[in-house]
């Protein structure tokens, strides 16, 4: 039995789930998401909750899809009700970020500014430098209803200038720890 799959998903106020064929549509205050429902699983609605079940609990594939489908539905319900966000810190002298329209404009040590266009349903914002990270210039906040798109957007932005181990310059996750290396030892 799947420990995750058998847990019911409690629907908050204002969230509706409708199952249509191979997809479940989740509507809420932050938008609408479509979640794929695997053919081995069934999604059942009850008053104020959604349950995911499978017909064959002995099959390894159906147990895996049971937990996966339940986790995807739970993430969609949380996304349309509360939303998800990831924070990135920009560390480095002269490194800057600003939002121009919907796009994110990064100046991170290249000869040209790097413009990042948001995926559909994703918003960028800039906040002051986070406390606890020395020489941090700014903090980028990525918000959206789809957990996968928020994470992918954060990973793509971090990939533009990953943190380097000597000075720690680059774009890192807010809670990421960068192991620092010692520089060259001088010979005397």
N, C-alpha and C. Protein backbone atom coordinates (compact mmCIF):
# COMPACT_ATOMS: atom_id res chain seq x y z
N UNK A 1 0.85 -1.19 0.00
CA UNK A 1 0.00 0.00 0.00
C UNK A 1 0.89 1.25 0.00
N UNK A 2 0.43 2.26 -0.68
CA UNK A 2 1.15 3.52 -0.73
C UNK A 2 0.75 4.38 0.46
N UNK A 3 1.74 4.76 1.25
CA UNK A 3 1.44 5.60 2.41
C UNK A 3 0.97 6.98 1.98
N UNK A 4 1.58 7.51 0.93
CA UNK A 4 1.20 8.83 0.45
C UNK A 4 -0.12 8.76 -0.30
N UNK A 5 -0.27 7.74 -1.14
CA UNK A 5 -1.44 7.64 -2.00
C UNK A 5 -2.75 7.50 -1.26
N UNK A 6 -2.75 6.83 -0.10
CA UNK A 6 -4.01 6.60 0.60
C UNK A 6 -4.46 7.78 1.45
N UNK A 7 -3.63 8.82 1.58
CA UNK A 7 -4.03 10.00 2.35
C UNK A 7 -4.99 10.85 1.51
N UNK A 8 -6.08 11.32 2.11
CA UNK A 8 -7.00 12.18 1.35
C UNK A 8 -6.42 13.59 1.19
N UNK A 9 -6.83 14.25 0.13
CA UNK A 9 -6.42 15.64 -0.12
C UNK A 9 -7.58 16.52 0.31
N UNK A 10 -7.38 17.33 1.34
CA UNK A 10 -8.42 18.22 1.84
C UNK A 10 -8.45 19.46 0.95
N UNK A 11 -9.64 19.78 0.44
CA UNK A 11 -9.79 20.94 -0.44
C UNK A 11 -10.12 22.18 0.39
N UNK A 12 -9.29 23.23 0.31
CA UNK A 12 -9.63 24.47 1.00
C UNK A 12 -10.81 25.17 0.32
N UNK A 13 -11.34 26.18 0.98
CA UNK A 13 -12.46 26.94 0.41
C UNK A 13 -12.03 27.61 -0.89
N UNK A 14 -12.87 27.54 -1.89
CA UNK A 14 -12.60 28.20 -3.16
C UNK A 14 -11.82 27.35 -4.15
N UNK A 15 -11.54 26.09 -3.82
CA UNK A 15 -10.81 25.22 -4.73
C UNK A 15 -11.75 24.13 -5.23
N UNK A 16 -11.83 23.98 -6.55
CA UNK A 16 -12.68 22.97 -7.17
C UNK A 16 -11.83 22.01 -7.99
N UNK A 17 -12.13 20.71 -7.91
CA UNK A 17 -11.43 19.69 -8.69
C UNK A 17 -12.46 18.96 -9.54
N UNK A 18 -12.22 18.91 -10.85
CA UNK A 18 -13.08 18.16 -11.76
C UNK A 18 -12.21 17.21 -12.57
N UNK A 19 -12.63 15.95 -12.67
CA UNK A 19 -11.88 14.94 -13.41
C UNK A 19 -12.53 14.76 -14.77
N UNK A 20 -11.74 14.96 -15.83
CA UNK A 20 -12.23 14.80 -17.19
C UNK A 20 -11.25 13.92 -17.96
N UNK A 21 -11.59 12.65 -18.07
CA UNK A 21 -10.74 11.72 -18.81
C UNK A 21 -9.41 11.49 -18.12
N UNK A 22 -8.33 11.80 -18.82
CA UNK A 22 -6.99 11.55 -18.31
C UNK A 22 -6.41 12.75 -17.55
N UNK A 23 -7.24 13.77 -17.31
CA UNK A 23 -6.76 14.96 -16.61
C UNK A 23 -7.72 15.35 -15.50
N UNK A 24 -7.17 15.95 -14.44
CA UNK A 24 -7.96 16.54 -13.37
C UNK A 24 -7.70 18.04 -13.41
N UNK A 25 -8.76 18.83 -13.50
CA UNK A 25 -8.62 20.29 -13.52
C UNK A 25 -8.84 20.82 -12.12
N UNK A 26 -7.88 21.62 -11.66
CA UNK A 26 -7.93 22.19 -10.32
C UNK A 26 -8.04 23.70 -10.49
N UNK A 27 -9.14 24.29 -9.98
CA UNK A 27 -9.37 25.74 -10.07
C UNK A 27 -9.32 26.34 -8.68
N UNK A 28 -8.72 27.52 -8.59
CA UNK A 28 -8.65 28.22 -7.32
C UNK A 28 -8.42 29.70 -7.54
N UNK A 29 -8.09 30.41 -6.46
CA UNK A 29 -7.91 31.85 -6.54
C UNK A 29 -6.67 32.24 -7.34
N UNK A 30 -5.64 31.38 -7.37
CA UNK A 30 -4.40 31.70 -8.10
C UNK A 30 -4.39 31.19 -9.53
N UNK A 31 -5.50 30.64 -10.00
CA UNK A 31 -5.55 30.20 -11.39
C UNK A 31 -6.09 28.80 -11.53
N UNK A 32 -5.75 28.16 -12.64
CA UNK A 32 -6.24 26.83 -12.96
C UNK A 32 -5.06 25.98 -13.44
N UNK A 33 -5.01 24.73 -12.97
CA UNK A 33 -3.96 23.80 -13.36
C UNK A 33 -4.59 22.49 -13.83
N UNK A 34 -3.91 21.83 -14.76
CA UNK A 34 -4.34 20.51 -15.21
C UNK A 34 -3.30 19.50 -14.74
N UNK A 35 -3.78 18.44 -14.09
CA UNK A 35 -2.91 17.39 -13.58
C UNK A 35 -3.22 16.11 -14.34
N UNK A 36 -2.19 15.44 -14.90
CA UNK A 36 -2.45 14.16 -15.58
C UNK A 36 -2.80 13.07 -14.56
N UNK A 37 -3.81 12.28 -14.88
CA UNK A 37 -4.23 11.16 -14.03
C UNK A 37 -3.84 9.88 -14.77
N UNK A 38 -3.00 9.09 -14.16
CA UNK A 38 -2.52 7.87 -14.79
C UNK A 38 -3.67 6.87 -14.95
N UNK A 39 -3.69 6.09 -16.03
CA UNK A 39 -4.79 5.13 -16.25
C UNK A 39 -4.92 4.07 -15.16
N UNK A 40 -3.86 3.78 -14.41
CA UNK A 40 -3.93 2.79 -13.35
C UNK A 40 -4.60 3.33 -12.08
N UNK A 41 -4.83 4.64 -12.01
CA UNK A 41 -5.40 5.25 -10.81
C UNK A 41 -6.79 5.79 -11.07
N UNK A 42 -7.57 5.93 -9.99
CA UNK A 42 -8.89 6.56 -10.06
C UNK A 42 -8.91 7.70 -9.04
N UNK A 43 -9.51 8.82 -9.45
CA UNK A 43 -9.65 9.97 -8.56
C UNK A 43 -11.12 10.09 -8.19
N UNK A 44 -11.41 10.05 -6.90
CA UNK A 44 -12.78 10.12 -6.40
C UNK A 44 -12.95 11.36 -5.55
N UNK A 45 -14.06 12.08 -5.79
CA UNK A 45 -14.35 13.28 -5.01
C UNK A 45 -15.38 12.96 -3.95
N UNK A 46 -15.13 13.49 -2.75
CA UNK A 46 -16.09 13.41 -1.66
C UNK A 46 -16.32 14.83 -1.17
N UNK A 47 -17.12 14.98 -0.15
CA UNK A 47 -17.42 16.32 0.36
C UNK A 47 -16.16 16.93 0.99
N UNK A 48 -15.60 17.91 0.31
CA UNK A 48 -14.46 18.63 0.86
C UNK A 48 -13.12 17.93 0.75
N UNK A 49 -13.04 16.80 0.04
CA UNK A 49 -11.76 16.12 -0.11
C UNK A 49 -11.74 15.32 -1.41
N UNK A 50 -10.54 14.92 -1.80
CA UNK A 50 -10.32 14.11 -2.99
C UNK A 50 -9.47 12.91 -2.57
N UNK A 51 -9.86 11.72 -3.03
CA UNK A 51 -9.10 10.50 -2.75
C UNK A 51 -8.61 9.90 -4.05
N UNK A 52 -7.41 9.36 -4.01
CA UNK A 52 -6.84 8.66 -5.15
C UNK A 52 -6.75 7.19 -4.77
N UNK A 53 -7.16 6.30 -5.69
CA UNK A 53 -7.12 4.88 -5.39
C UNK A 53 -6.66 4.11 -6.63
N UNK A 54 -6.29 2.85 -6.41
CA UNK A 54 -5.92 1.95 -7.49
C UNK A 54 -6.69 0.65 -7.31
N UNK A 55 -6.88 -0.08 -8.41
CA UNK A 55 -7.62 -1.34 -8.30
C UNK A 55 -6.71 -2.49 -7.87
N UNK A 56 -5.45 -2.47 -8.30
CA UNK A 56 -4.53 -3.56 -7.98
C UNK A 56 -3.41 -3.02 -7.08
N UNK A 57 -3.49 -3.30 -5.78
CA UNK A 57 -2.47 -2.79 -4.85
C UNK A 57 -1.23 -3.67 -4.82
N UNK A 58 -1.23 -4.82 -5.49
CA UNK A 58 -0.06 -5.69 -5.52
C UNK A 58 0.92 -5.34 -6.64
N UNK A 59 0.45 -4.62 -7.64
CA UNK A 59 1.29 -4.26 -8.77
C UNK A 59 2.19 -3.08 -8.39
N UNK A 60 3.50 -3.24 -8.60
CA UNK A 60 4.47 -2.21 -8.23
C UNK A 60 4.24 -0.90 -9.01
N UNK A 61 3.95 -1.00 -10.30
CA UNK A 61 3.72 0.18 -11.14
C UNK A 61 2.50 0.96 -10.67
N UNK A 62 1.42 0.28 -10.34
CA UNK A 62 0.21 0.99 -9.92
C UNK A 62 0.41 1.63 -8.55
N UNK A 63 1.19 1.00 -7.66
CA UNK A 63 1.48 1.64 -6.36
C UNK A 63 2.30 2.91 -6.55
N UNK A 64 3.26 2.87 -7.48
CA UNK A 64 4.08 4.05 -7.76
C UNK A 64 3.24 5.19 -8.34
N UNK A 65 2.35 4.86 -9.27
CA UNK A 65 1.50 5.87 -9.88
C UNK A 65 0.46 6.39 -8.90
N UNK A 66 0.08 5.59 -7.93
CA UNK A 66 -0.86 6.00 -6.88
C UNK A 66 -0.27 7.15 -6.08
N UNK A 67 0.93 6.97 -5.58
CA UNK A 67 1.58 8.02 -4.80
C UNK A 67 1.89 9.24 -5.63
N UNK A 68 2.34 9.02 -6.87
CA UNK A 68 2.68 10.14 -7.75
C UNK A 68 1.46 10.98 -8.07
N UNK A 69 0.36 10.34 -8.43
CA UNK A 69 -0.86 11.07 -8.79
C UNK A 69 -1.38 11.86 -7.61
N UNK A 70 -1.34 11.26 -6.43
CA UNK A 70 -1.80 11.95 -5.23
C UNK A 70 -0.92 13.15 -4.92
N UNK A 71 0.41 13.01 -5.07
CA UNK A 71 1.34 14.11 -4.80
C UNK A 71 1.15 15.25 -5.81
N UNK A 72 0.95 14.91 -7.09
CA UNK A 72 0.73 15.94 -8.10
C UNK A 72 -0.57 16.70 -7.85
N UNK A 73 -1.63 15.97 -7.46
CA UNK A 73 -2.91 16.63 -7.14
C UNK A 73 -2.77 17.53 -5.91
N UNK A 74 -2.08 17.04 -4.88
CA UNK A 74 -1.90 17.85 -3.67
C UNK A 74 -1.10 19.11 -3.95
N UNK A 75 -0.06 19.01 -4.79
CA UNK A 75 0.72 20.19 -5.17
C UNK A 75 -0.13 21.18 -5.97
N UNK A 76 -0.99 20.68 -6.84
CA UNK A 76 -1.85 21.56 -7.62
C UNK A 76 -2.85 22.27 -6.72
N UNK A 77 -3.42 21.56 -5.74
CA UNK A 77 -4.38 22.17 -4.82
C UNK A 77 -3.69 23.26 -3.99
N UNK A 78 -2.48 22.97 -3.51
CA UNK A 78 -1.75 23.98 -2.74
C UNK A 78 -1.35 25.16 -3.62
N UNK A 79 -0.99 24.89 -4.87
CA UNK A 79 -0.58 25.96 -5.77
C UNK A 79 -1.69 26.92 -6.11
N UNK A 80 -2.91 26.41 -6.38
CA UNK A 80 -3.99 27.32 -6.74
C UNK A 80 -4.59 28.00 -5.52
N UNK A 81 -4.32 27.50 -4.32
CA UNK A 81 -4.85 28.17 -3.12
C UNK A 81 -3.82 29.11 -2.50
N UNK A 82 -2.58 28.65 -2.28
CA UNK A 82 -1.55 29.48 -1.64
C UNK A 82 -0.51 29.97 -2.63
N UNK A 83 -0.10 29.11 -3.53
CA UNK A 83 0.97 29.44 -4.47
C UNK A 83 2.32 28.96 -3.94
N UNK A 84 3.30 28.93 -4.82
CA UNK A 84 4.66 28.53 -4.46
C UNK A 84 5.61 29.67 -4.76
N UNK A 85 6.73 29.70 -4.06
CA UNK A 85 7.75 30.69 -4.34
C UNK A 85 9.13 30.12 -4.05
N UNK A 86 10.11 30.59 -4.81
CA UNK A 86 11.51 30.26 -4.61
C UNK A 86 12.26 31.58 -4.55
N UNK A 87 13.29 31.61 -3.71
CA UNK A 87 14.11 32.82 -3.57
C UNK A 87 15.54 32.52 -3.98
N UNK A 88 16.11 33.44 -4.75
CA UNK A 88 17.50 33.35 -5.17
C UNK A 88 18.24 34.58 -4.68
N UNK A 89 19.48 34.40 -4.24
CA UNK A 89 20.30 35.52 -3.80
C UNK A 89 21.38 35.79 -4.84
N UNK A 90 21.59 37.07 -5.15
CA UNK A 90 22.64 37.47 -6.08
C UNK A 90 23.81 37.98 -5.25
N UNK A 91 24.97 37.31 -5.38
CA UNK A 91 26.15 37.65 -4.59
C UNK A 91 27.26 38.05 -5.54
N UNK A 92 27.83 39.23 -5.34
CA UNK A 92 28.94 39.69 -6.15
C UNK A 92 28.90 41.20 -6.30
N UNK A 93 30.07 41.79 -6.27
CA UNK A 93 30.17 43.25 -6.41
C UNK A 93 29.80 43.63 -7.84
N UNK A 94 28.87 44.55 -7.97
CA UNK A 94 28.43 45.00 -9.29
C UNK A 94 27.34 44.15 -9.91
N UNK A 95 26.95 43.08 -9.27
CA UNK A 95 25.88 42.25 -9.80
C UNK A 95 24.54 42.89 -9.44
N UNK A 96 23.62 42.94 -10.42
CA UNK A 96 22.33 43.59 -10.20
C UNK A 96 21.23 42.81 -10.89
N UNK A 97 20.02 43.03 -10.42
CA UNK A 97 18.85 42.45 -11.06
C UNK A 97 17.72 43.46 -10.96
N UNK A 98 16.92 43.54 -12.01
CA UNK A 98 15.73 44.39 -11.97
C UNK A 98 14.66 43.80 -12.88
N UNK A 99 13.44 44.12 -12.56
CA UNK A 99 12.31 43.65 -13.35
C UNK A 99 11.91 44.75 -14.31
N UNK A 100 11.93 44.42 -15.61
CA UNK A 100 11.52 45.37 -16.65
C UNK A 100 10.31 44.78 -17.34
N UNK A 101 9.14 45.33 -17.05
CA UNK A 101 7.90 44.73 -17.54
C UNK A 101 7.68 43.43 -16.79
N UNK A 102 7.60 42.35 -17.52
CA UNK A 102 7.50 41.03 -16.88
C UNK A 102 8.84 40.32 -16.86
N UNK A 103 9.80 40.80 -17.65
CA UNK A 103 11.10 40.14 -17.79
C UNK A 103 12.04 40.51 -16.66
N UNK A 104 12.99 39.63 -16.41
CA UNK A 104 14.02 39.85 -15.40
C UNK A 104 15.31 40.20 -16.12
N UNK A 105 15.91 41.34 -15.76
CA UNK A 105 17.14 41.81 -16.39
C UNK A 105 18.28 41.62 -15.40
N UNK A 106 19.24 40.74 -15.75
CA UNK A 106 20.35 40.43 -14.85
C UNK A 106 21.66 40.99 -15.41
N UNK A 107 22.43 41.60 -14.53
CA UNK A 107 23.79 42.02 -14.87
C UNK A 107 24.71 41.31 -13.89
N UNK A 108 25.29 40.20 -14.36
CA UNK A 108 26.05 39.33 -13.47
C UNK A 108 27.44 39.03 -14.01
N UNK A 109 28.15 40.08 -14.45
CA UNK A 109 29.54 39.92 -14.83
C UNK A 109 29.80 39.63 -16.29
N UNK A 110 28.77 39.53 -17.10
CA UNK A 110 28.98 39.37 -18.53
C UNK A 110 29.07 40.74 -19.18
N UNK A 111 29.48 40.78 -20.46
CA UNK A 111 29.60 42.05 -21.16
C UNK A 111 28.25 42.62 -21.55
N UNK A 112 27.20 41.85 -21.35
CA UNK A 112 25.86 42.26 -21.75
C UNK A 112 24.88 41.85 -20.66
N UNK A 113 23.75 42.56 -20.55
CA UNK A 113 22.73 42.12 -19.60
C UNK A 113 22.03 40.86 -20.12
N UNK A 114 21.65 39.99 -19.19
CA UNK A 114 20.94 38.76 -19.54
C UNK A 114 19.47 38.96 -19.22
N UNK A 115 18.61 38.80 -20.23
CA UNK A 115 17.17 38.99 -20.06
C UNK A 115 16.51 37.61 -19.94
N UNK A 116 15.73 37.41 -18.88
CA UNK A 116 15.04 36.15 -18.65
C UNK A 116 13.55 36.42 -18.79
N UNK A 117 12.90 35.69 -19.71
CA UNK A 117 11.46 35.81 -19.88
C UNK A 117 10.77 34.78 -19.00
N UNK A 118 9.70 35.17 -18.30
CA UNK A 118 9.04 34.20 -17.42
C UNK A 118 8.20 33.19 -18.20
N UNK A 119 8.10 31.99 -17.66
CA UNK A 119 7.19 30.99 -18.20
C UNK A 119 5.76 31.44 -17.93
N UNK A 120 4.76 30.94 -18.65
CA UNK A 120 3.37 31.34 -18.38
C UNK A 120 2.98 31.01 -16.94
N UNK A 121 2.41 31.99 -16.24
CA UNK A 121 1.97 31.80 -14.87
C UNK A 121 3.02 32.09 -13.82
N UNK A 122 4.20 32.58 -14.24
CA UNK A 122 5.30 32.86 -13.32
C UNK A 122 5.52 34.38 -13.24
N UNK A 123 5.78 34.86 -12.02
CA UNK A 123 6.05 36.28 -11.79
C UNK A 123 7.39 36.43 -11.10
N UNK A 124 8.14 37.47 -11.48
CA UNK A 124 9.41 37.79 -10.85
C UNK A 124 9.24 39.06 -10.02
N UNK A 125 9.95 39.13 -8.91
CA UNK A 125 10.04 40.37 -8.14
C UNK A 125 11.41 40.42 -7.48
N UNK A 126 11.83 41.63 -7.11
CA UNK A 126 13.13 41.85 -6.50
C UNK A 126 12.93 42.40 -5.10
N UNK A 127 13.69 41.86 -4.14
CA UNK A 127 13.65 42.36 -2.77
C UNK A 127 15.06 42.75 -2.36
N UNK A 128 15.16 43.37 -1.18
CA UNK A 128 16.47 43.77 -0.67
C UNK A 128 17.32 42.53 -0.40
N UNK A 129 18.59 42.77 -0.21
CA UNK A 129 19.54 41.68 0.01
C UNK A 129 19.14 40.89 1.26
N UNK A 130 19.20 39.56 1.19
CA UNK A 130 18.84 38.75 2.34
C UNK A 130 19.88 38.84 3.45
N UNK A 131 19.43 38.79 4.69
CA UNK A 131 20.34 38.81 5.82
C UNK A 131 21.00 37.45 5.94
N UNK A 132 22.22 37.44 6.39
CA UNK A 132 22.93 36.18 6.60
C UNK A 132 23.81 35.77 5.45
N UNK A 133 23.68 36.38 4.28
CA UNK A 133 24.55 36.06 3.15
C UNK A 133 25.41 37.30 2.91
N UNK A 134 26.71 37.18 3.18
CA UNK A 134 27.57 38.34 3.05
C UNK A 134 27.76 38.73 1.60
N UNK A 135 27.87 39.98 1.35
CA UNK A 135 28.01 40.61 0.04
C UNK A 135 26.90 40.27 -0.94
N UNK A 136 25.71 39.95 -0.42
CA UNK A 136 24.56 39.72 -1.30
C UNK A 136 24.03 41.07 -1.76
N UNK A 137 23.69 41.16 -3.04
CA UNK A 137 23.24 42.42 -3.61
C UNK A 137 21.72 42.54 -3.61
N UNK A 138 21.03 41.47 -3.94
CA UNK A 138 19.57 41.50 -4.05
C UNK A 138 19.04 40.08 -3.93
N UNK A 139 17.73 40.00 -3.83
CA UNK A 139 17.06 38.71 -3.75
C UNK A 139 15.98 38.68 -4.83
N UNK A 140 15.97 37.61 -5.63
CA UNK A 140 14.97 37.43 -6.66
C UNK A 140 13.91 36.49 -6.11
N UNK A 141 12.64 36.87 -6.22
CA UNK A 141 11.53 36.03 -5.76
C UNK A 141 10.76 35.57 -6.98
N UNK A 142 10.60 34.26 -7.11
CA UNK A 142 9.88 33.66 -8.23
C UNK A 142 8.60 33.07 -7.66
N UNK A 143 7.44 33.53 -8.14
CA UNK A 143 6.15 33.07 -7.62
C UNK A 143 5.31 32.49 -8.74
N UNK A 144 4.47 31.52 -8.37
CA UNK A 144 3.57 30.93 -9.33
C UNK A 144 2.73 29.84 -8.69
N UNK A 145 1.74 29.34 -9.42
CA UNK A 145 0.87 28.30 -8.91
C UNK A 145 1.40 26.91 -9.21
N UNK A 146 2.18 26.76 -10.26
CA UNK A 146 2.70 25.45 -10.67
C UNK A 146 4.08 25.24 -10.04
N UNK A 147 4.18 24.26 -9.15
CA UNK A 147 5.42 24.00 -8.42
C UNK A 147 6.56 23.65 -9.36
N UNK A 148 6.28 22.88 -10.40
CA UNK A 148 7.32 22.46 -11.34
C UNK A 148 7.86 23.66 -12.12
N UNK A 149 7.00 24.57 -12.55
CA UNK A 149 7.46 25.73 -13.31
C UNK A 149 8.26 26.69 -12.43
N UNK A 150 7.86 26.84 -11.17
CA UNK A 150 8.60 27.71 -10.26
C UNK A 150 10.00 27.16 -10.05
N UNK A 151 10.11 25.86 -9.81
CA UNK A 151 11.42 25.25 -9.61
C UNK A 151 12.28 25.29 -10.85
N UNK A 152 11.69 25.05 -12.02
CA UNK A 152 12.44 25.10 -13.26
C UNK A 152 12.92 26.51 -13.57
N UNK A 153 12.08 27.51 -13.31
CA UNK A 153 12.50 28.89 -13.53
C UNK A 153 13.67 29.26 -12.63
N UNK A 154 13.60 28.85 -11.37
CA UNK A 154 14.69 29.14 -10.43
C UNK A 154 15.98 28.45 -10.87
N UNK A 155 15.88 27.21 -11.33
CA UNK A 155 17.07 26.48 -11.78
C UNK A 155 17.67 27.12 -13.02
N UNK A 156 16.83 27.59 -13.95
CA UNK A 156 17.34 28.23 -15.16
C UNK A 156 18.03 29.55 -14.85
N UNK A 157 17.50 30.31 -13.89
CA UNK A 157 18.14 31.58 -13.51
C UNK A 157 19.46 31.30 -12.81
N UNK A 158 19.50 30.30 -11.93
CA UNK A 158 20.73 29.96 -11.22
C UNK A 158 21.80 29.49 -12.20
N UNK A 159 21.39 28.82 -13.29
CA UNK A 159 22.32 28.30 -14.28
C UNK A 159 23.04 29.42 -15.04
N UNK A 160 22.49 30.62 -15.06
CA UNK A 160 23.12 31.74 -15.78
C UNK A 160 24.47 32.06 -15.17
N UNK A 161 24.57 32.06 -13.84
CA UNK A 161 25.84 32.33 -13.15
C UNK A 161 25.84 31.56 -11.83
N UNK A 162 26.19 30.25 -11.87
CA UNK A 162 26.20 29.47 -10.62
C UNK A 162 27.27 30.00 -9.67
N UNK A 163 27.11 29.78 -8.37
CA UNK A 163 28.09 30.30 -7.42
C UNK A 163 29.44 29.60 -7.59
N UNK A 164 30.51 30.38 -7.51
CA UNK A 164 31.84 29.80 -7.63
C UNK A 164 32.44 29.63 -6.23
N UNK A 165 33.33 28.66 -6.04
CA UNK A 165 33.75 28.29 -4.69
C UNK A 165 34.81 29.19 -4.06
N UNK A 166 35.45 30.10 -4.80
CA UNK A 166 36.52 30.89 -4.22
C UNK A 166 36.04 32.16 -3.53
N UNK A 167 35.24 32.94 -4.23
CA UNK A 167 34.71 34.16 -3.62
C UNK A 167 33.23 34.03 -3.29
N UNK A 168 32.55 33.01 -3.81
CA UNK A 168 31.13 32.82 -3.54
C UNK A 168 30.25 33.64 -4.44
N UNK A 169 30.82 34.26 -5.49
CA UNK A 169 30.03 35.10 -6.38
C UNK A 169 29.13 34.25 -7.26
N UNK A 170 27.96 34.78 -7.57
CA UNK A 170 27.04 34.09 -8.46
C UNK A 170 25.62 34.18 -7.97
N UNK A 171 24.75 33.38 -8.56
CA UNK A 171 23.34 33.33 -8.17
C UNK A 171 23.13 32.00 -7.46
N UNK A 172 22.61 32.06 -6.25
CA UNK A 172 22.38 30.84 -5.46
C UNK A 172 20.99 30.85 -4.86
N UNK A 173 20.54 29.66 -4.47
CA UNK A 173 19.28 29.58 -3.76
C UNK A 173 19.45 30.25 -2.40
N UNK A 174 18.35 30.75 -1.87
CA UNK A 174 18.38 31.49 -0.62
C UNK A 174 18.95 30.66 0.53
N UNK A 175 18.64 29.37 0.56
CA UNK A 175 19.08 28.51 1.65
C UNK A 175 20.25 27.61 1.24
N UNK A 176 20.89 27.89 0.12
CA UNK A 176 21.99 27.07 -0.36
C UNK A 176 23.29 27.43 0.36
N UNK A 177 24.05 26.41 0.71
CA UNK A 177 25.34 26.62 1.33
C UNK A 177 26.41 26.36 0.27
N UNK A 178 27.29 27.35 0.07
CA UNK A 178 28.36 27.22 -0.92
C UNK A 178 29.65 26.96 -0.17
N UNK A 179 30.25 25.77 -0.42
CA UNK A 179 31.52 25.44 0.23
C UNK A 179 32.62 26.27 -0.40
N UNK A 180 33.37 26.96 0.42
CA UNK A 180 34.42 27.85 -0.06
C UNK A 180 35.76 27.13 -0.05
N UNK A 181 36.58 27.40 -1.06
CA UNK A 181 37.93 26.84 -1.17
C UNK A 181 38.94 27.91 -0.80
N UNK A 182 40.08 27.48 -0.33
CA UNK A 182 41.16 28.43 -0.06
C UNK A 182 41.81 28.82 -1.37
N UNK A 183 42.29 30.03 -1.43
CA UNK A 183 42.96 30.50 -2.65
C UNK A 183 44.36 29.94 -2.73
N UNK A 184 45.14 30.50 -3.63
CA UNK A 184 46.52 30.04 -3.79
C UNK A 184 47.33 30.39 -2.55
N UNK A 185 48.16 29.47 -2.14
CA UNK A 185 49.05 29.73 -1.00
C UNK A 185 50.30 30.41 -1.53
N UNK A 186 50.73 31.46 -0.85
CA UNK A 186 51.93 32.17 -1.28
C UNK A 186 53.19 31.45 -0.78
N UNK A 187 54.21 31.46 -1.60
CA UNK A 187 55.47 30.81 -1.23
C UNK A 187 56.40 31.88 -0.68
N UNK A 188 56.93 31.64 0.51
CA UNK A 188 57.85 32.64 1.10
C UNK A 188 59.23 32.11 1.27
